[in-house]
Amino acid sequence: MEGWGEYALAWALFLASNVLPARPALRGPLVRRVGEARFAIAYSAVSLAILAWLVAAAGRAPAWPLWGWAPWQAWVPNLMMPVACVLLALGAGIPNPFSIGGARACLYDPARPGVLALTRHPVLWAVTLWAGAHVPPNGDLAHVLMFGGFAAFGLAGMRALDRRRRRAWGAARWAEMAPRQRVNLPPWRVAAGLAAWGVLAGLHADIIGVPPWPVA
């Protein structure tokens, strides 16, 4: 299967892999059977494999240009990606009861929320910024749908998670879980995020096939 058919199938599996495991009726039995850690590892591996397929399928889809290339477009991801990488570094692996599955919620302290005082969903914001920033320099239909879809999925996911938590916890517990300290960002995580951005920028041309910097 090639072209739009492969692209549509990859999208369908990507959406299913992100929506279905978040449903308590499905996630609960799986976690009880294999454990939280094994579920997280398996879920991450499957999600990354499907994401890689979707990106490759977008590259193989028929080219339908929606707008032309201009050097300024490359500055959008170059300005947004450092922010996205820092948010990802700040949010990865921290106790976050607001995230999908409530990662390590038992260790969350509203008096020491870290980046959660800035946003309850740092990882989803990182994905949203990454995706939205890559729309301007990728003006063909398949990539606009892919990156625009990722950005919309991230924004919708944050709203859905907040609604679900409010409904499950109630107003009193929601207020109790709210961060009670100003933003305190660990410098080593900020540095790690900037370092990751530098590595990604340096490898972009070798992995993706195009340089990240503006080229006339």
Protein backbone atom coordinates (compact mmCIF):
# COMPACT_ATOMS: atom_id res chain seq x y z
CA MET A 1 0.00 0.00 0.00
CA GLU A 2 1.43 3.37 -1.01
CA GLY A 3 0.44 7.01 -1.38
CA TRP A 4 -2.67 8.34 0.34
CA GLY A 5 -3.84 4.87 1.38
CA GLU A 6 -0.72 4.21 3.45
CA TYR A 7 -0.86 7.74 4.84
CA ALA A 8 -4.50 7.36 5.93
CA LEU A 9 -3.81 3.98 7.56
CA ALA A 10 -0.80 5.37 9.42
CA TRP A 11 -2.93 8.27 10.68
CA ALA A 12 -5.69 5.91 11.82
CA LEU A 13 -3.26 3.76 13.80
CA PHE A 14 -1.55 6.81 15.26
CA LEU A 15 -4.86 8.20 16.54
CA ALA A 16 -5.93 4.81 17.88
CA SER A 17 -2.61 4.32 19.67
CA ASN A 18 -2.98 7.66 21.44
CA VAL A 19 -6.71 7.61 22.19
CA LEU A 20 -7.47 4.02 23.16
CA PRO A 21 -4.76 3.49 25.83
CA ALA A 22 -5.97 6.63 27.61
CA ARG A 23 -9.41 5.07 28.16
CA PRO A 24 -9.62 3.75 31.74
CA ALA A 25 -11.62 0.70 30.63
CA LEU A 26 -8.70 -0.42 28.44
CA ARG A 27 -5.72 1.01 30.29
CA GLY A 28 -6.71 -0.33 33.71
CA PRO A 29 -6.77 -4.05 32.83
CA LEU A 30 -3.55 -3.75 30.81
CA VAL A 31 -1.70 -2.04 33.66
CA ARG A 32 -2.95 -4.61 36.17
CA ARG A 33 -1.80 -7.42 33.91
CA VAL A 34 1.71 -6.22 33.00
CA GLY A 35 2.44 -3.49 35.54
CA GLU A 36 2.75 0.30 35.12
CA ALA A 37 6.44 0.28 34.13
CA ARG A 38 6.11 -2.41 31.46
CA PHE A 39 2.96 -0.81 30.11
CA ALA A 40 4.72 2.56 29.81
CA ILE A 41 7.71 1.02 28.03
CA ALA A 42 5.56 -0.98 25.60
CA TYR A 43 3.24 1.97 24.96
CA SER A 44 6.18 4.30 24.27
CA ALA A 45 7.82 1.81 21.90
CA VAL A 46 4.62 1.22 19.92
CA SER A 47 3.82 4.93 19.78
CA LEU A 48 7.30 5.82 18.50
CA ALA A 49 7.16 3.08 15.86
CA ILE A 50 3.78 4.28 14.59
CA LEU A 51 4.96 7.90 14.66
CA ALA A 52 8.03 7.01 12.60
CA TRP A 53 5.80 5.21 10.10
CA LEU A 54 3.45 8.19 9.86
CA VAL A 55 6.34 10.57 9.18
CA ALA A 56 7.70 8.24 6.51
CA ALA A 57 4.22 7.81 4.99
CA ALA A 58 3.83 11.58 4.76
CA GLY A 59 7.07 11.72 2.79
CA ARG A 60 5.77 9.05 0.39
CA ALA A 61 2.35 10.65 -0.10
CA PRO A 62 1.70 12.50 -3.40
CA ALA A 63 3.14 16.03 -3.35
CA TRP A 64 0.32 18.61 -3.37
CA PRO A 65 1.97 21.99 -2.66
CA LEU A 66 -0.14 24.53 -0.78
CA TRP A 67 2.45 27.34 -0.66
CA GLY A 68 5.99 27.94 -1.83
CA TRP A 69 9.24 27.98 0.10
CA ALA A 70 10.72 31.15 1.61
CA PRO A 71 13.82 31.34 3.84
CA TRP A 72 11.94 33.07 6.68
CA GLN A 73 9.86 29.94 7.20
CA ALA A 74 12.87 28.09 8.58
CA TRP A 75 13.19 30.64 11.38
CA VAL A 76 9.88 29.54 12.90
CA PRO A 77 11.09 26.08 14.03
CA ASN A 78 14.54 27.48 14.83
CA LEU A 79 12.96 29.87 17.33
CA MET A 80 10.39 27.44 18.70
CA MET A 81 12.43 24.26 18.97
CA PRO A 82 14.71 25.42 21.83
CA VAL A 83 11.58 26.22 23.84
CA ALA A 84 10.02 22.86 22.95
CA CYS A 85 13.17 20.94 23.90
CA VAL A 86 13.46 22.74 27.24
CA LEU A 87 9.80 22.03 28.04
CA LEU A 88 10.33 18.38 27.17
CA ALA A 89 13.41 18.17 29.39
CA LEU A 90 11.58 19.89 32.24
CA GLY A 91 8.52 17.66 31.98
CA ALA A 92 10.00 14.26 31.16
CA GLY A 93 9.85 11.78 34.04
CA ILE A 94 8.59 14.18 36.70
CA PRO A 95 5.63 13.39 38.98
CA ASN A 96 2.62 14.76 37.12
CA PRO A 97 -0.90 13.79 38.18
CA PHE A 98 -2.31 15.91 35.33
CA SER A 99 -0.64 13.86 32.59
CA ILE A 100 -1.94 10.80 30.75
CA GLY A 101 -2.02 8.04 33.34
CA GLY A 102 -1.00 10.44 36.13
CA ALA A 103 2.69 9.58 36.00
CA ARG A 104 4.15 9.01 39.52
CA ALA A 105 1.25 11.01 40.97
CA CYS A 106 1.99 9.76 44.50
CA LEU A 107 5.25 11.75 44.47
CA TYR A 108 3.70 15.03 43.34
CA ASP A 109 3.97 17.92 45.80
CA PRO A 110 1.91 21.06 45.01
CA ALA A 111 4.40 23.05 47.09
CA ARG A 112 7.24 21.93 44.78
CA PRO A 113 5.61 21.71 41.35
CA GLY A 114 8.57 22.68 39.17
CA VAL A 115 7.52 23.33 35.60
CA LEU A 116 3.91 22.40 36.47
CA ALA A 117 3.58 25.89 37.95
CA LEU A 118 4.05 27.12 34.39
CA THR A 119 1.95 24.51 32.60
CA ARG A 120 0.25 21.29 33.70
CA HIS A 121 1.23 19.66 30.41
CA PRO A 122 4.87 20.49 29.56
CA VAL A 123 5.39 17.43 27.34
CA LEU A 124 2.21 18.02 25.34
CA TRP A 125 3.16 21.67 24.94
CA ALA A 126 6.57 20.57 23.68
CA VAL A 127 4.92 18.35 21.07
CA THR A 128 2.46 21.10 20.12
CA LEU A 129 5.21 23.69 19.65
CA TRP A 130 7.37 21.26 17.67
CA ALA A 131 4.48 20.38 15.37
CA GLY A 132 3.09 23.88 14.91
CA ALA A 133 6.54 25.32 14.21
CA HIS A 134 7.09 22.83 11.39
CA VAL A 135 3.96 23.80 9.46
CA PRO A 136 5.32 26.96 7.73
CA PRO A 137 8.44 25.32 6.18
CA ASN A 138 6.49 22.24 5.04
CA GLY A 139 3.89 23.57 2.66
CA ASP A 140 2.68 20.36 0.97
CA LEU A 141 -0.69 18.89 1.90
CA ALA A 142 0.53 15.70 3.56
CA HIS A 143 2.96 17.48 5.89
CA VAL A 144 0.56 20.31 6.69
CA LEU A 145 -2.03 17.71 7.69
CA MET A 146 0.55 15.81 9.71
CA PHE A 147 2.17 18.69 11.61
CA GLY A 148 -1.08 20.63 11.90
CA GLY A 149 -2.80 17.48 13.11
CA PHE A 150 -0.12 16.88 15.74
CA ALA A 151 -0.50 20.45 17.01
CA ALA A 152 -4.29 20.19 17.13
CA PHE A 153 -4.03 16.79 18.82
CA GLY A 154 -1.75 18.25 21.49
CA LEU A 155 -4.05 21.19 22.22
CA ALA A 156 -7.14 19.00 22.28
CA GLY A 157 -5.38 16.45 24.48
CA MET A 158 -4.56 19.06 27.12
CA ARG A 159 -8.16 20.24 27.27
CA ALA A 160 -9.47 16.68 27.42
CA LEU A 161 -7.07 15.70 30.22
CA ASP A 162 -8.03 18.73 32.29
CA ARG A 163 -11.75 18.05 31.85
CA ARG A 164 -11.25 14.39 32.82
CA ARG A 165 -9.22 15.26 35.92
CA ARG A 166 -11.72 17.93 37.06
CA ARG A 167 -14.59 15.48 36.66
CA ALA A 168 -12.77 12.65 38.44
CA TRP A 169 -11.35 14.73 41.30
CA GLY A 170 -14.05 17.30 41.89
CA ALA A 171 -13.53 21.01 42.44
CA ALA A 172 -12.04 20.68 45.93
CA ARG A 173 -9.33 18.19 44.99
CA TRP A 174 -8.57 20.06 41.76
CA ALA A 175 -7.90 23.19 43.80
CA GLU A 176 -5.85 21.17 46.30
CA MET A 177 -3.62 19.79 43.53
CA ALA A 178 -2.98 23.21 41.98
CA PRO A 179 0.68 24.32 42.23
CA ARG A 180 1.27 26.57 45.24
CA GLN A 181 4.70 27.92 44.35
CA ARG A 182 6.15 30.14 41.67
CA VAL A 183 7.92 28.52 38.73
CA ASN A 184 11.20 26.91 39.78
CA LEU A 185 13.05 25.38 36.84
CA PRO A 186 16.02 23.07 37.56
CA PRO A 187 19.00 24.55 35.68
CA TRP A 188 20.33 21.12 34.72
CA ARG A 189 17.05 20.27 32.97
CA VAL A 190 17.10 23.57 31.09
CA ALA A 191 20.70 22.88 30.03
CA ALA A 192 19.78 19.35 28.98
CA GLY A 193 16.93 20.67 26.84
CA LEU A 194 19.18 23.19 25.10
CA ALA A 195 21.82 20.51 24.56
CA ALA A 196 19.20 18.22 23.04
CA TRP A 197 18.12 21.01 20.70
CA GLY A 198 21.73 21.50 19.61
CA VAL A 199 22.12 17.79 18.87
CA LEU A 200 18.85 17.64 16.95
CA ALA A 201 19.77 20.72 14.92
CA GLY A 202 23.18 19.28 14.13
CA LEU A 203 21.74 15.93 12.98
CA HIS A 204 18.73 17.35 11.16
CA ALA A 205 20.31 17.40 7.72
CA ASP A 206 21.66 13.84 8.06
CA ILE A 207 18.42 12.33 9.42
CA ILE A 208 15.70 14.39 7.71
CA GLY A 209 17.61 15.27 4.57
CA VAL A 210 17.32 19.06 4.76
CA PRO A 211 19.28 21.58 6.86
CA PRO A 212 17.35 23.30 9.66
CA TRP A 213 18.82 26.71 8.86
CA PRO A 214 17.36 29.17 6.35
CA VAL A 215 18.66 28.42 2.87
CA ALA A 216 17.67 30.57 -0.08
